[in-house]
């Protein structure tokens, strides 16, 4: 699964700059819509548009790997279900 780190990046930016970044302020700075920002923070985005990722990377001064991380799926069956395992 792909997981957004946007909420973490916002919190880090707020700590570093000593100011609050609202979705509205991020919208103004990036040109992204508030619902897009909200979906990325909540982790409910189904797609990641290249222009959206570019705008966020420019805003945060980061790379795509700082914004999105891959979380491996858990195996369907944990245990010795496969042939040859005991």
C-alpha atoms as a PDB file:
ATOM      1  CA  UNK A   1       0.000   0.000   0.000  1.00  0.00           C
ATOM      2  CA  UNK A   2       1.124   3.578  -0.621  1.00  0.00           C
ATOM      3  CA  UNK A   3       0.824   5.907   2.370  1.00  0.00           C
ATOM      4  CA  UNK A   4       0.940   9.700   2.289  1.00  0.00           C
ATOM      5  CA  UNK A   5       3.178  11.499   4.770  1.00  0.00           C
ATOM      6  CA  UNK A   6       1.573  14.891   4.082  1.00  0.00           C
ATOM      7  CA  UNK A   7       0.307  15.279   7.660  1.00  0.00           C
ATOM      8  CA  UNK A   8       3.809  14.596   8.983  1.00  0.00           C
ATOM      9  CA  UNK A   9       5.369  17.076   6.546  1.00  0.00           C
ATOM     10  CA  UNK A  10       2.869  19.758   7.548  1.00  0.00           C
ATOM     11  CA  UNK A  11       3.632  19.197  11.256  1.00  0.00           C
ATOM     12  CA  UNK A  12       7.390  19.317  10.609  1.00  0.00           C
ATOM     13  CA  UNK A  13       7.040  22.533   8.578  1.00  0.00           C
ATOM     14  CA  UNK A  14       4.951  24.099  11.349  1.00  0.00           C
ATOM     15  CA  UNK A  15       7.567  23.221  13.967  1.00  0.00           C
ATOM     16  CA  UNK A  16      10.442  24.441  11.803  1.00  0.00           C
ATOM     17  CA  UNK A  17       8.759  27.724  10.855  1.00  0.00           C
ATOM     18  CA  UNK A  18       6.927  28.341  14.134  1.00  0.00           C
ATOM     19  CA  UNK A  19       3.604  28.961  12.426  1.00  0.00           C
ATOM     20  CA  UNK A  20       0.378  27.101  11.681  1.00  0.00           C
ATOM     21  CA  UNK A  21      -0.242  25.890   8.108  1.00  0.00           C
ATOM     22  CA  UNK A  22      -3.980  25.537   7.457  1.00  0.00           C
ATOM     23  CA  UNK A  23      -5.299  23.668   4.440  1.00  0.00           C
ATOM     24  CA  UNK A  24      -6.404  27.054   3.072  1.00  0.00           C
ATOM     25  CA  UNK A  25      -2.867  28.450   3.384  1.00  0.00           C
ATOM     26  CA  UNK A  26      -1.419  25.344   1.704  1.00  0.00           C
ATOM     27  CA  UNK A  27      -4.052  25.688  -1.021  1.00  0.00           C
ATOM     28  CA  UNK A  28      -2.981  29.287  -1.649  1.00  0.00           C
ATOM     29  CA  UNK A  29       0.716  28.373  -1.678  1.00  0.00           C
ATOM     30  CA  UNK A  30       0.399  25.310  -3.937  1.00  0.00           C
ATOM     31  CA  UNK A  31      -2.690  25.907  -6.080  1.00  0.00           C
ATOM     32  CA  UNK A  32      -4.138  22.565  -4.958  1.00  0.00           C
ATOM     33  CA  UNK A  33      -7.742  22.202  -3.880  1.00  0.00           C
ATOM     34  CA  UNK A  34      -8.653  21.844  -0.227  1.00  0.00           C
ATOM     35  CA  UNK A  35     -10.356  18.460  -0.839  1.00  0.00           C
ATOM     36  CA  UNK A  36      -7.171  17.147  -2.494  1.00  0.00           C
ATOM     37  CA  UNK A  37      -5.067  18.237   0.470  1.00  0.00           C
ATOM     38  CA  UNK A  38      -7.612  16.762   2.879  1.00  0.00           C
ATOM     39  CA  UNK A  39      -7.653  13.377   1.068  1.00  0.00           C
ATOM     40  CA  UNK A  40      -3.855  13.199   1.113  1.00  0.00           C
ATOM     41  CA  UNK A  41      -3.635  14.041   4.822  1.00  0.00           C
ATOM     42  CA  UNK A  42      -6.369  11.539   5.749  1.00  0.00           C
ATOM     43  CA  UNK A  43      -4.900   8.825   3.530  1.00  0.00           C
ATOM     44  CA  UNK A  44      -8.047   8.388   1.456  1.00  0.00           C
ATOM     45  CA  UNK A  45      -6.579   9.461  -1.911  1.00  0.00           C
ATOM     46  CA  UNK A  46      -6.944   6.737  -4.541  1.00  0.00           C
ATOM     47  CA  UNK A  47      -4.656   8.354  -7.122  1.00  0.00           C
ATOM     48  CA  UNK A  48      -1.598  10.578  -6.964  1.00  0.00           C
ATOM     49  CA  UNK A  49      -1.466  13.104  -9.795  1.00  0.00           C
ATOM     50  CA  UNK A  50       2.023  14.087 -10.972  1.00  0.00           C
ATOM     51  CA  UNK A  51       1.192  17.814 -10.852  1.00  0.00           C
ATOM     52  CA  UNK A  52      -0.107  17.448  -7.291  1.00  0.00           C
ATOM     53  CA  UNK A  53       3.047  15.644  -6.189  1.00  0.00           C
ATOM     54  CA  UNK A  54       5.204  18.247  -7.927  1.00  0.00           C
ATOM     55  CA  UNK A  55       3.396  21.141  -6.209  1.00  0.00           C
ATOM     56  CA  UNK A  56       3.754  19.523  -2.787  1.00  0.00           C
ATOM     57  CA  UNK A  57       7.416  18.627  -3.326  1.00  0.00           C
ATOM     58  CA  UNK A  58       8.154  22.232  -4.310  1.00  0.00           C
ATOM     59  CA  UNK A  59       6.233  23.578  -1.313  1.00  0.00           C
ATOM     60  CA  UNK A  60       7.961  21.309   1.200  1.00  0.00           C
ATOM     61  CA  UNK A  61      11.338  21.242  -0.557  1.00  0.00           C
ATOM     62  CA  UNK A  62      11.284  17.455  -0.584  1.00  0.00           C
ATOM     63  CA  UNK A  63      11.239  14.496  -2.931  1.00  0.00           C
ATOM     64  CA  UNK A  64       8.364  12.179  -3.766  1.00  0.00           C
ATOM     65  CA  UNK A  65       9.868   9.558  -1.435  1.00  0.00           C
ATOM     66  CA  UNK A  66       9.502  12.013   1.446  1.00  0.00           C
ATOM     67  CA  UNK A  67       5.832  12.531   0.615  1.00  0.00           C
ATOM     68  CA  UNK A  68       4.784   8.952  -0.158  1.00  0.00           C
ATOM     69  CA  UNK A  69       6.012   5.701   1.343  1.00  0.00           C
ATOM     70  CA  UNK A  70       5.354   2.081   0.431  1.00  0.00           C
ATOM     71  CA  UNK A  71       4.043  -0.100   3.249  1.00  0.00           C
ATOM     72  CA  UNK A  72       4.292  -3.798   2.273  1.00  0.00           C
ATOM     73  CA  UNK A  73       1.078  -5.804   2.573  1.00  0.00           C
ATOM     74  CA  UNK A  74       0.953  -8.460   5.247  1.00  0.00           C
ATOM     75  CA  UNK A  75       1.092 -12.022   3.898  1.00  0.00           C
ATOM     76  CA  UNK A  76      -2.362 -13.579   3.558  1.00  0.00           C
ATOM     77  CA  UNK A  77      -1.346 -16.608   5.616  1.00  0.00           C
ATOM     78  CA  UNK A  78       1.321 -16.311   8.235  1.00  0.00           C
ATOM     79  CA  UNK A  79       2.554 -19.740   9.146  1.00  0.00           C
ATOM     80  CA  UNK A  80       3.649 -22.992   7.573  1.00  0.00           C
ATOM     81  CA  UNK A  81       0.889 -23.375   4.981  1.00  0.00           C
ATOM     82  CA  UNK A  82       3.259 -23.748   2.025  1.00  0.00           C
ATOM     83  CA  UNK A  83       4.645 -27.087   0.883  1.00  0.00           C
ATOM     84  CA  UNK A  84       7.948 -28.007   2.384  1.00  0.00           C
ATOM     85  CA  UNK A  85       7.521 -25.864   5.523  1.00  0.00           C
ATOM     86  CA  UNK A  86       6.975 -27.336   8.926  1.00  0.00           C
END
